[in-house]
């Protein structure tokens, strides 16, 4: 007598290979999507963590850059690019003033921003470019600013909070107007 059920039963090994094939296909598709999406997203951006959090994680104070940072990009070799809506001026609690271009670049390593481009600091009546920002010893509570002609050591605590940065025209018009001349940025 012929059993009709035996002809409809599937071979267990063929069922298992079918599941493995579908799983492998799904894995390949998922991997493909991950690879494609990694090219569409910037390496680092302010959406995943803020630039201020990044600075703190690298031994630097959060307030080295203003609140108005729009985004940033950090490459694998440590090149940091910080993007602001527009150039702006800020004044720190100690009275020191800084000018930020719309893009600030530097090499970021633990405790330092070296080769800084796009940041100037007012000294007397001149605007001098900041070249390096270094925290040699976090326990000292000091941060060193290399402005080319001189090195300045300031208290780390002055830069703990990101400052507000105002568009260039707003502060520039009030810089030295009361004394009859205007500061010149180099």
N, C-alpha and C. Protein backbone atom coordinates (compact mmCIF):
# COMPACT_ATOMS: atom_id res chain seq x y z
N UNK A 1 0.82 -1.15 0.00
CA UNK A 1 0.00 0.00 0.00
C UNK A 1 0.88 1.23 0.00
N UNK A 2 0.45 2.19 -0.77
CA UNK A 2 1.24 3.42 -0.94
C UNK A 2 0.77 4.47 0.07
N UNK A 3 1.70 5.05 0.80
CA UNK A 3 1.37 6.09 1.79
C UNK A 3 1.51 7.44 1.12
N UNK A 4 0.42 8.21 1.00
CA UNK A 4 0.43 9.51 0.34
C UNK A 4 1.14 10.57 1.16
N UNK A 5 1.26 10.37 2.44
CA UNK A 5 1.92 11.34 3.29
C UNK A 5 3.43 11.41 3.06
N UNK A 6 4.02 10.32 2.64
CA UNK A 6 5.47 10.31 2.44
C UNK A 6 5.87 11.18 1.27
N UNK A 7 5.06 11.32 0.26
CA UNK A 7 5.42 12.14 -0.89
C UNK A 7 5.30 13.62 -0.57
N UNK A 8 4.46 14.01 0.37
CA UNK A 8 4.30 15.43 0.70
C UNK A 8 5.27 15.89 1.77
N UNK A 9 5.93 14.99 2.45
CA UNK A 9 6.89 15.38 3.49
C UNK A 9 8.15 15.92 2.86
N UNK A 10 8.62 17.05 3.37
CA UNK A 10 9.84 17.66 2.83
C UNK A 10 11.04 17.05 3.52
N UNK A 11 12.12 17.05 2.79
CA UNK A 11 13.40 16.56 3.32
C UNK A 11 13.90 17.59 4.33
N UNK A 12 14.14 17.17 5.59
CA UNK A 12 14.55 18.12 6.62
C UNK A 12 15.83 18.87 6.25
N UNK A 13 16.74 18.25 5.56
CA UNK A 13 17.98 18.93 5.21
C UNK A 13 17.75 20.03 4.17
N UNK A 14 16.78 19.85 3.26
CA UNK A 14 16.51 20.89 2.27
C UNK A 14 15.80 22.07 2.91
N UNK A 15 14.97 21.84 3.90
CA UNK A 15 14.30 22.91 4.64
C UNK A 15 15.32 23.75 5.40
N UNK A 16 16.26 23.11 6.02
CA UNK A 16 17.32 23.79 6.77
C UNK A 16 18.18 24.63 5.84
N UNK A 17 18.53 24.12 4.67
CA UNK A 17 19.36 24.90 3.74
C UNK A 17 18.60 26.09 3.18
N UNK A 18 17.27 25.95 3.02
CA UNK A 18 16.45 27.06 2.55
C UNK A 18 16.43 28.20 3.57
N UNK A 19 16.34 27.85 4.85
CA UNK A 19 16.35 28.85 5.92
C UNK A 19 17.71 29.54 5.97
N UNK A 20 18.77 28.77 5.84
CA UNK A 20 20.13 29.32 5.86
C UNK A 20 20.33 30.27 4.68
N UNK A 21 19.81 29.93 3.52
CA UNK A 21 19.95 30.77 2.33
C UNK A 21 19.23 32.10 2.53
N UNK A 22 17.99 32.03 3.08
CA UNK A 22 17.24 33.27 3.33
C UNK A 22 17.94 34.13 4.39
N UNK A 23 18.46 33.51 5.44
CA UNK A 23 19.17 34.25 6.48
C UNK A 23 20.43 34.90 5.92
N UNK A 24 21.13 34.18 5.08
CA UNK A 24 22.35 34.71 4.46
C UNK A 24 22.01 35.89 3.56
N UNK A 25 20.93 35.78 2.80
CA UNK A 25 20.49 36.86 1.92
C UNK A 25 20.11 38.10 2.74
N UNK A 26 19.38 37.88 3.83
CA UNK A 26 18.98 38.98 4.71
C UNK A 26 20.21 39.66 5.31
N UNK A 27 21.18 38.86 5.76
CA UNK A 27 22.42 39.40 6.35
C UNK A 27 23.17 40.25 5.33
N UNK A 28 23.25 39.77 4.09
CA UNK A 28 23.93 40.53 3.03
C UNK A 28 23.23 41.86 2.77
N UNK A 29 21.89 41.84 2.75
CA UNK A 29 21.14 43.07 2.52
C UNK A 29 21.34 44.06 3.67
N UNK A 30 21.33 43.57 4.89
CA UNK A 30 21.54 44.41 6.06
C UNK A 30 22.93 45.02 6.04
N UNK A 31 23.92 44.22 5.72
CA UNK A 31 25.30 44.70 5.63
C UNK A 31 25.42 45.77 4.54
N UNK A 32 24.78 45.54 3.40
CA UNK A 32 24.79 46.50 2.30
C UNK A 32 24.20 47.84 2.76
N UNK A 33 23.06 47.80 3.48
CA UNK A 33 22.44 49.03 3.97
C UNK A 33 23.35 49.76 4.95
N UNK A 34 24.01 49.02 5.84
CA UNK A 34 24.92 49.64 6.80
C UNK A 34 26.09 50.32 6.10
N UNK A 35 26.64 49.67 5.09
CA UNK A 35 27.77 50.25 4.36
C UNK A 35 27.34 51.51 3.63
N UNK A 36 26.20 51.44 2.94
CA UNK A 36 25.70 52.61 2.21
C UNK A 36 25.40 53.76 3.17
N UNK A 37 24.75 53.49 4.31
CA UNK A 37 24.41 54.57 5.24
C UNK A 37 25.65 55.18 5.86
N UNK A 38 26.73 54.43 6.02
CA UNK A 38 27.94 55.00 6.61
C UNK A 38 28.57 56.04 5.68
N UNK A 39 28.35 55.90 4.36
CA UNK A 39 28.87 56.90 3.44
C UNK A 39 27.99 58.14 3.39
N UNK A 40 26.73 58.00 3.73
CA UNK A 40 25.81 59.14 3.69
C UNK A 40 25.89 60.01 4.93
N UNK A 41 26.35 59.47 6.05
CA UNK A 41 26.44 60.23 7.29
C UNK A 41 27.83 60.80 7.46
N UNK A 42 27.97 62.01 8.01
CA UNK A 42 29.29 62.55 8.28
C UNK A 42 29.98 61.72 9.36
N UNK A 43 31.36 61.72 9.38
CA UNK A 43 32.08 60.94 10.37
C UNK A 43 31.66 61.22 11.80
N UNK A 44 31.51 62.48 12.17
CA UNK A 44 31.02 62.86 13.50
C UNK A 44 30.17 64.10 13.30
N UNK A 45 29.15 64.22 14.07
CA UNK A 45 28.35 65.42 13.94
C UNK A 45 27.74 65.74 15.29
N UNK A 46 27.23 66.96 15.37
CA UNK A 46 26.66 67.39 16.63
C UNK A 46 25.38 66.64 16.97
N UNK A 47 24.84 65.86 16.02
CA UNK A 47 23.63 65.12 16.34
C UNK A 47 23.92 63.93 17.25
N UNK A 48 25.11 63.32 17.14
CA UNK A 48 25.40 62.17 17.99
C UNK A 48 25.92 62.61 19.36
N UNK A 49 26.77 63.60 19.40
CA UNK A 49 27.21 64.20 20.65
C UNK A 49 27.68 65.61 20.31
N UNK A 50 27.68 66.47 21.28
CA UNK A 50 28.03 67.85 20.99
C UNK A 50 29.55 68.03 20.91
N UNK A 51 29.95 69.07 20.23
CA UNK A 51 31.37 69.41 20.16
C UNK A 51 31.91 69.67 21.55
N UNK A 52 31.07 70.21 22.41
CA UNK A 52 31.50 70.53 23.77
C UNK A 52 31.78 69.25 24.57
N UNK A 53 30.95 68.22 24.36
CA UNK A 53 31.20 66.92 25.00
C UNK A 53 32.50 66.31 24.47
N UNK A 54 32.73 66.47 23.17
CA UNK A 54 33.96 65.94 22.57
C UNK A 54 35.18 66.60 23.19
N UNK A 55 35.15 67.93 23.33
CA UNK A 55 36.28 68.64 23.93
C UNK A 55 36.57 68.13 25.33
N UNK A 56 35.52 67.99 26.13
CA UNK A 56 35.68 67.51 27.51
C UNK A 56 36.27 66.10 27.52
N UNK A 57 35.81 65.25 26.61
CA UNK A 57 36.33 63.87 26.55
C UNK A 57 37.80 63.83 26.15
N UNK A 58 38.29 64.93 25.57
CA UNK A 58 39.70 65.01 25.16
C UNK A 58 40.52 65.88 26.09
N UNK A 59 40.00 66.14 27.30
CA UNK A 59 40.77 66.85 28.31
C UNK A 59 40.80 68.36 28.15
N UNK A 60 39.87 68.91 27.38
CA UNK A 60 39.80 70.35 27.14
C UNK A 60 38.49 70.88 27.70
N UNK A 61 38.44 72.16 28.04
CA UNK A 61 37.18 72.72 28.55
C UNK A 61 36.16 72.91 27.43
N UNK A 62 34.90 72.73 27.76
CA UNK A 62 33.80 72.84 26.79
C UNK A 62 33.69 74.25 26.21
N UNK A 63 34.07 75.25 26.98
CA UNK A 63 33.88 76.64 26.58
C UNK A 63 34.93 77.21 25.64
N UNK A 64 35.78 76.37 25.09
CA UNK A 64 36.72 76.88 24.09
C UNK A 64 36.00 77.28 22.81
N UNK A 65 34.85 76.68 22.58
CA UNK A 65 34.06 76.99 21.39
C UNK A 65 32.69 77.50 21.83
N UNK A 66 32.10 78.39 21.04
CA UNK A 66 30.82 78.99 21.45
C UNK A 66 29.64 78.02 21.36
N UNK A 67 28.54 78.42 21.99
CA UNK A 67 27.31 77.63 21.96
C UNK A 67 26.75 77.49 20.55
N UNK A 68 27.05 78.46 19.71
CA UNK A 68 26.44 78.54 18.38
C UNK A 68 27.06 77.61 17.34
N UNK A 69 27.84 76.63 17.74
CA UNK A 69 28.40 75.68 16.78
C UNK A 69 27.25 74.92 16.12
N UNK A 70 27.24 74.96 14.80
CA UNK A 70 26.18 74.31 14.02
C UNK A 70 26.47 72.81 13.88
N UNK A 71 27.71 72.47 13.55
CA UNK A 71 28.10 71.07 13.40
C UNK A 71 29.62 70.99 13.43
N UNK A 72 30.11 69.77 13.44
CA UNK A 72 31.55 69.57 13.37
C UNK A 72 31.84 68.25 12.69
N UNK A 73 33.10 68.12 12.25
CA UNK A 73 33.55 66.89 11.62
C UNK A 73 34.92 66.56 12.20
N UNK A 74 35.09 65.34 12.65
CA UNK A 74 36.36 64.87 13.19
C UNK A 74 36.81 63.69 12.35
N UNK A 75 37.95 63.84 11.69
CA UNK A 75 38.45 62.75 10.85
C UNK A 75 39.25 61.77 11.70
N UNK A 76 39.54 60.63 11.12
CA UNK A 76 40.30 59.59 11.82
C UNK A 76 41.69 60.04 12.23
N UNK A 77 42.27 60.98 11.48
CA UNK A 77 43.62 61.45 11.81
C UNK A 77 43.63 62.60 12.83
N UNK A 78 42.44 62.97 13.36
CA UNK A 78 42.36 63.98 14.39
C UNK A 78 42.08 65.39 13.89
N UNK A 79 41.91 65.56 12.59
CA UNK A 79 41.58 66.88 12.05
C UNK A 79 40.14 67.22 12.42
N UNK A 80 39.98 68.33 13.10
CA UNK A 80 38.67 68.78 13.56
C UNK A 80 38.26 70.00 12.76
N UNK A 81 37.05 69.98 12.23
CA UNK A 81 36.47 71.14 11.55
C UNK A 81 35.18 71.48 12.29
N UNK A 82 35.07 72.73 12.70
CA UNK A 82 33.90 73.19 13.45
C UNK A 82 33.20 74.25 12.59
N UNK A 83 31.90 74.09 12.42
CA UNK A 83 31.14 74.97 11.54
C UNK A 83 30.16 75.82 12.35
N UNK A 84 30.22 77.14 12.13
CA UNK A 84 29.28 78.08 12.73
C UNK A 84 28.45 78.68 11.61
N UNK A 85 27.29 79.23 11.94
CA UNK A 85 26.43 79.86 10.92
C UNK A 85 27.15 81.00 10.21
N UNK A 86 27.90 81.77 11.00
CA UNK A 86 28.60 82.94 10.46
C UNK A 86 29.73 83.31 11.42
N UNK A 87 30.67 84.13 10.97
CA UNK A 87 31.72 84.60 11.89
C UNK A 87 31.08 85.33 13.06
N UNK A 88 31.71 85.22 14.23
CA UNK A 88 31.12 85.87 15.40
C UNK A 88 32.18 86.23 16.44
N UNK A 89 31.80 87.12 17.32
CA UNK A 89 32.65 87.59 18.42
C UNK A 89 32.06 87.15 19.75
N UNK A 90 32.93 86.85 20.69
CA UNK A 90 32.47 86.48 22.02
C UNK A 90 33.36 87.13 23.07
N UNK A 91 32.82 87.26 24.25
CA UNK A 91 33.57 87.82 25.37
C UNK A 91 33.47 86.85 26.53
N UNK A 92 34.64 86.44 27.04
CA UNK A 92 34.67 85.52 28.18
C UNK A 92 34.53 86.29 29.49
N UNK A 93 34.29 85.57 30.57
CA UNK A 93 34.07 86.18 31.89
C UNK A 93 35.22 87.08 32.33
N UNK A 94 36.44 86.74 31.92
CA UNK A 94 37.60 87.52 32.34
C UNK A 94 37.81 88.76 31.47
N UNK A 95 36.91 89.00 30.53
CA UNK A 95 37.02 90.16 29.65
C UNK A 95 37.74 89.87 28.35
N UNK A 96 38.39 88.74 28.23
CA UNK A 96 39.07 88.39 26.98
C UNK A 96 38.04 88.16 25.89
N UNK A 97 38.36 88.66 24.71
CA UNK A 97 37.45 88.54 23.59
C UNK A 97 38.08 87.66 22.52
N UNK A 98 37.22 86.92 21.80
CA UNK A 98 37.67 86.02 20.75
C UNK A 98 36.79 86.18 19.53
N UNK A 99 37.41 86.03 18.38
CA UNK A 99 36.71 86.08 17.10
C UNK A 99 36.78 84.71 16.46
N UNK A 100 35.63 84.15 16.06
CA UNK A 100 35.55 82.86 15.41
C UNK A 100 35.13 83.04 13.96
N UNK A 101 35.91 82.50 13.02
CA UNK A 101 35.48 82.46 11.63
C UNK A 101 34.32 81.47 11.52
N UNK A 102 33.67 81.42 10.37
CA UNK A 102 32.55 80.49 10.21
C UNK A 102 33.02 79.04 10.21
N UNK A 103 34.32 78.81 9.92
CA UNK A 103 34.90 77.47 10.04
C UNK A 103 36.18 77.60 10.86
N UNK A 104 36.29 76.79 11.89
CA UNK A 104 37.49 76.74 12.72
C UNK A 104 38.08 75.35 12.55
N UNK A 105 39.38 75.29 12.26
CA UNK A 105 40.05 74.00 12.05
C UNK A 105 41.21 73.86 13.03
N UNK A 106 41.46 72.61 13.42
CA UNK A 106 42.60 72.33 14.30
C UNK A 106 42.83 70.82 14.31
N UNK A 107 43.99 70.45 14.81
CA UNK A 107 44.28 69.03 15.05
C UNK A 107 43.97 68.77 16.51
N UNK A 108 43.06 67.84 16.75
CA UNK A 108 42.62 67.53 18.11
C UNK A 108 43.33 66.29 18.62
N UNK A 109 43.97 66.44 19.75
CA UNK A 109 44.53 65.29 20.47
C UNK A 109 44.23 65.51 21.94
N UNK A 110 44.55 64.54 22.76
CA UNK A 110 44.19 64.68 24.16
C UNK A 110 44.91 65.89 24.77
N UNK A 111 44.14 66.85 25.28
CA UNK A 111 44.69 68.02 25.94
C UNK A 111 45.16 69.13 25.02
N UNK A 112 44.91 69.00 23.70
CA UNK A 112 45.36 70.10 22.84
C UNK A 112 44.58 70.23 21.54
N UNK A 113 44.52 71.47 21.10
CA UNK A 113 44.09 71.84 19.76
C UNK A 113 45.30 72.51 19.15
N UNK A 114 45.93 71.88 18.18
CA UNK A 114 47.14 72.46 17.59
C UNK A 114 46.87 72.84 16.13
N UNK A 115 47.66 73.79 15.65
CA UNK A 115 47.49 74.26 14.28
C UNK A 115 46.14 74.89 14.05
N UNK A 116 45.67 75.65 15.03
CA UNK A 116 44.34 76.26 14.97
C UNK A 116 44.29 77.29 13.85
N UNK A 117 43.20 77.25 13.08
CA UNK A 117 42.94 78.23 12.02
C UNK A 117 41.50 78.68 12.18
N UNK A 118 41.26 79.99 12.15
CA UNK A 118 39.90 80.50 12.23
C UNK A 118 39.51 81.03 13.60
N UNK A 119 40.49 81.21 14.50
CA UNK A 119 40.22 81.74 15.83
C UNK A 119 41.26 82.81 16.14
N UNK A 120 40.80 83.99 16.53
CA UNK A 120 41.69 85.10 16.91
C UNK A 120 41.31 85.60 18.29
N UNK A 121 42.31 86.14 18.99
CA UNK A 121 42.08 86.65 20.33
C UNK A 121 42.59 88.09 20.38
N UNK A 122 41.84 88.93 21.08
CA UNK A 122 42.23 90.33 21.19
C UNK A 122 43.30 90.50 22.26
N UNK A 123 44.38 91.15 21.89
CA UNK A 123 45.46 91.49 22.82
C UNK A 123 45.76 92.97 22.66
N UNK A 124 45.57 93.72 23.73
CA UNK A 124 45.68 95.17 23.69
C UNK A 124 44.71 95.68 22.63
N UNK A 125 45.20 96.20 21.52
CA UNK A 125 44.31 96.70 20.49
C UNK A 125 44.42 95.90 19.21
N UNK A 126 45.06 94.75 19.27
CA UNK A 126 45.27 93.93 18.08
C UNK A 126 44.54 92.59 18.20
N UNK A 127 44.15 92.06 17.07
CA UNK A 127 43.57 90.72 17.01
C UNK A 127 44.66 89.79 16.49
N UNK A 128 45.05 88.83 17.31
CA UNK A 128 46.12 87.91 16.95
C UNK A 128 45.56 86.50 16.79
N UNK A 129 46.04 85.78 15.77
CA UNK A 129 45.54 84.42 15.57
C UNK A 129 46.02 83.47 16.67
N UNK A 130 45.11 82.66 17.15
CA UNK A 130 45.46 81.62 18.12
C UNK A 130 46.02 80.45 17.32
N UNK A 131 47.22 80.01 17.69
CA UNK A 131 47.87 78.93 16.96
C UNK A 131 47.67 77.57 17.63
N UNK A 132 47.77 77.54 18.95
CA UNK A 132 47.62 76.30 19.70
C UNK A 132 46.92 76.58 21.02
N UNK A 133 46.19 75.60 21.51
CA UNK A 133 45.56 75.65 22.83
C UNK A 133 45.93 74.34 23.51
N UNK A 134 46.60 74.44 24.66
CA UNK A 134 47.16 73.23 25.28
C UNK A 134 46.90 73.20 26.78
N UNK A 135 46.49 72.05 27.26
CA UNK A 135 46.39 71.78 28.69
C UNK A 135 47.49 70.76 28.98
N UNK A 136 48.64 71.24 29.50
CA UNK A 136 49.75 70.34 29.77
C UNK A 136 49.47 69.45 30.98
N UNK A 137 48.93 70.05 32.01
CA UNK A 137 48.67 69.32 33.24
C UNK A 137 47.29 69.71 33.77
N UNK A 138 46.30 68.85 33.58
CA UNK A 138 44.94 69.19 34.03
C UNK A 138 44.87 69.55 35.51
N UNK A 139 45.76 68.99 36.33
CA UNK A 139 45.74 69.27 37.77
C UNK A 139 46.16 70.70 38.08
N UNK A 140 46.90 71.32 37.16
CA UNK A 140 47.36 72.70 37.40
C UNK A 140 46.22 73.71 37.29
N UNK A 141 45.16 73.33 36.56
CA UNK A 141 44.04 74.25 36.37
C UNK A 141 44.34 75.35 35.37
N UNK A 142 45.42 75.18 34.59
CA UNK A 142 45.81 76.20 33.62
C UNK A 142 45.71 75.68 32.19
N UNK A 143 45.41 76.61 31.30
CA UNK A 143 45.36 76.31 29.88
C UNK A 143 46.24 77.32 29.16
N UNK A 144 47.05 76.86 28.22
CA UNK A 144 48.01 77.71 27.51
C UNK A 144 47.48 78.06 26.13
N UNK A 145 47.53 79.34 25.80
CA UNK A 145 47.16 79.82 24.47
C UNK A 145 48.42 80.33 23.80
N UNK A 146 48.75 79.77 22.65
CA UNK A 146 49.88 80.24 21.84
C UNK A 146 49.30 81.19 20.81
N UNK A 147 49.63 82.48 20.92
CA UNK A 147 49.13 83.48 19.97
C UNK A 147 50.27 84.01 19.11
N UNK A 148 51.26 83.17 18.90
CA UNK A 148 52.36 83.52 18.02
C UNK A 148 53.42 84.36 18.70
N UNK A 149 53.08 85.58 19.05
CA UNK A 149 54.05 86.48 19.67
C UNK A 149 54.26 86.18 21.14
N UNK A 150 53.32 85.49 21.72
CA UNK A 150 53.40 85.22 23.16
C UNK A 150 52.60 83.98 23.50
N UNK A 151 52.82 83.50 24.71
CA UNK A 151 52.02 82.42 25.27
C UNK A 151 51.28 82.99 26.48
N UNK A 152 50.00 82.66 26.58
CA UNK A 152 49.21 83.13 27.71
C UNK A 152 48.71 81.92 28.47
N UNK A 153 48.86 81.96 29.78
CA UNK A 153 48.27 80.93 30.62
C UNK A 153 47.06 81.53 31.33
N UNK A 154 45.93 80.87 31.16
CA UNK A 154 44.70 81.33 31.79
C UNK A 154 44.10 80.20 32.59
N UNK A 155 43.21 80.54 33.49
CA UNK A 155 42.55 79.54 34.31
C UNK A 155 41.61 78.69 33.46
N UNK A 156 41.73 77.39 33.62
CA UNK A 156 40.87 76.42 32.93
C UNK A 156 39.40 76.74 33.21
N UNK A 157 39.10 77.18 34.42
CA UNK A 157 37.72 77.42 34.84
C UNK A 157 37.04 78.55 34.04
N UNK A 158 37.81 79.43 33.44
CA UNK A 158 37.22 80.51 32.63
C UNK A 158 36.53 79.97 31.38
N UNK A 159 36.86 78.74 31.00
CA UNK A 159 36.38 78.19 29.75
C UNK A 159 35.50 76.95 29.95
N UNK A 160 34.95 76.81 31.14
CA UNK A 160 34.13 75.63 31.41
C UNK A 160 32.77 75.69 30.71
N UNK A 161 32.21 76.88 30.57
CA UNK A 161 30.90 77.04 29.93
C UNK A 161 31.06 77.66 28.54
N UNK A 162 30.43 77.07 27.52
CA UNK A 162 30.50 77.67 26.17
C UNK A 162 29.89 79.07 26.18
N UNK A 163 30.61 80.04 25.63
CA UNK A 163 30.09 81.42 25.62
C UNK A 163 29.09 81.64 24.49
N UNK A 164 28.31 82.70 24.62
CA UNK A 164 27.45 83.14 23.53
C UNK A 164 28.31 83.89 22.53
N UNK A 165 28.03 83.71 21.28
CA UNK A 165 28.82 84.36 20.24
C UNK A 165 27.87 85.18 19.38
N UNK A 166 28.18 86.46 19.21
CA UNK A 166 27.31 87.35 18.46
C UNK A 166 27.89 87.61 17.08
N UNK A 167 27.01 87.80 16.10
CA UNK A 167 27.50 88.08 14.74
C UNK A 167 28.52 89.21 14.75
N UNK A 168 29.47 89.11 13.86
CA UNK A 168 30.62 90.02 13.82
C UNK A 168 30.23 91.50 13.87
N UNK A 169 29.24 91.92 13.14
CA UNK A 169 28.89 93.32 13.07
C UNK A 169 28.38 93.91 14.37
N UNK A 170 27.68 93.13 15.17
CA UNK A 170 27.07 93.65 16.41
C UNK A 170 28.12 94.11 17.40
N UNK A 171 29.11 93.27 17.69
CA UNK A 171 30.14 93.66 18.65
C UNK A 171 31.19 94.57 18.03
N UNK A 172 31.51 94.35 16.76
CA UNK A 172 32.58 95.12 16.13
C UNK A 172 32.26 96.61 16.16
N UNK A 173 31.01 96.95 15.97
CA UNK A 173 30.63 98.36 15.97
C UNK A 173 30.79 99.00 17.35
N UNK A 174 30.81 98.20 18.39
CA UNK A 174 30.94 98.73 19.74
C UNK A 174 32.32 98.51 20.35
N UNK A 175 33.26 97.95 19.59
CA UNK A 175 34.56 97.56 20.13
C UNK A 175 35.31 98.73 20.73
N UNK A 176 35.64 99.73 19.98
CA UNK A 176 36.40 100.88 20.47
C UNK A 176 35.76 102.19 20.04
N UNK A 177 34.51 102.14 19.72
CA UNK A 177 33.81 103.33 19.25
C UNK A 177 33.84 104.44 20.29
N UNK A 178 33.72 104.05 21.54
CA UNK A 178 33.68 105.06 22.58
C UNK A 178 34.99 105.82 22.71
N UNK A 179 36.09 105.25 22.21
CA UNK A 179 37.39 105.94 22.29
C UNK A 179 37.79 106.56 20.96
N UNK A 180 36.89 106.51 19.98
CA UNK A 180 37.15 107.19 18.72
C UNK A 180 37.88 106.36 17.69
N UNK A 181 38.16 105.08 17.96
CA UNK A 181 38.76 104.23 16.94
C UNK A 181 38.28 102.81 17.14
N UNK A 182 38.51 102.00 16.12
CA UNK A 182 38.01 100.65 16.13
C UNK A 182 39.18 99.67 16.12
N UNK A 183 39.11 98.59 16.88
CA UNK A 183 40.15 97.58 16.90
C UNK A 183 40.27 96.93 15.53
N UNK A 184 41.46 96.59 15.17
CA UNK A 184 41.72 95.99 13.88
C UNK A 184 42.06 94.51 14.10
N UNK A 185 41.39 93.63 13.34
CA UNK A 185 41.67 92.21 13.42
C UNK A 185 42.68 91.85 12.35
N UNK A 186 43.77 91.19 12.75
CA UNK A 186 44.80 90.76 11.79
C UNK A 186 44.46 89.43 11.20
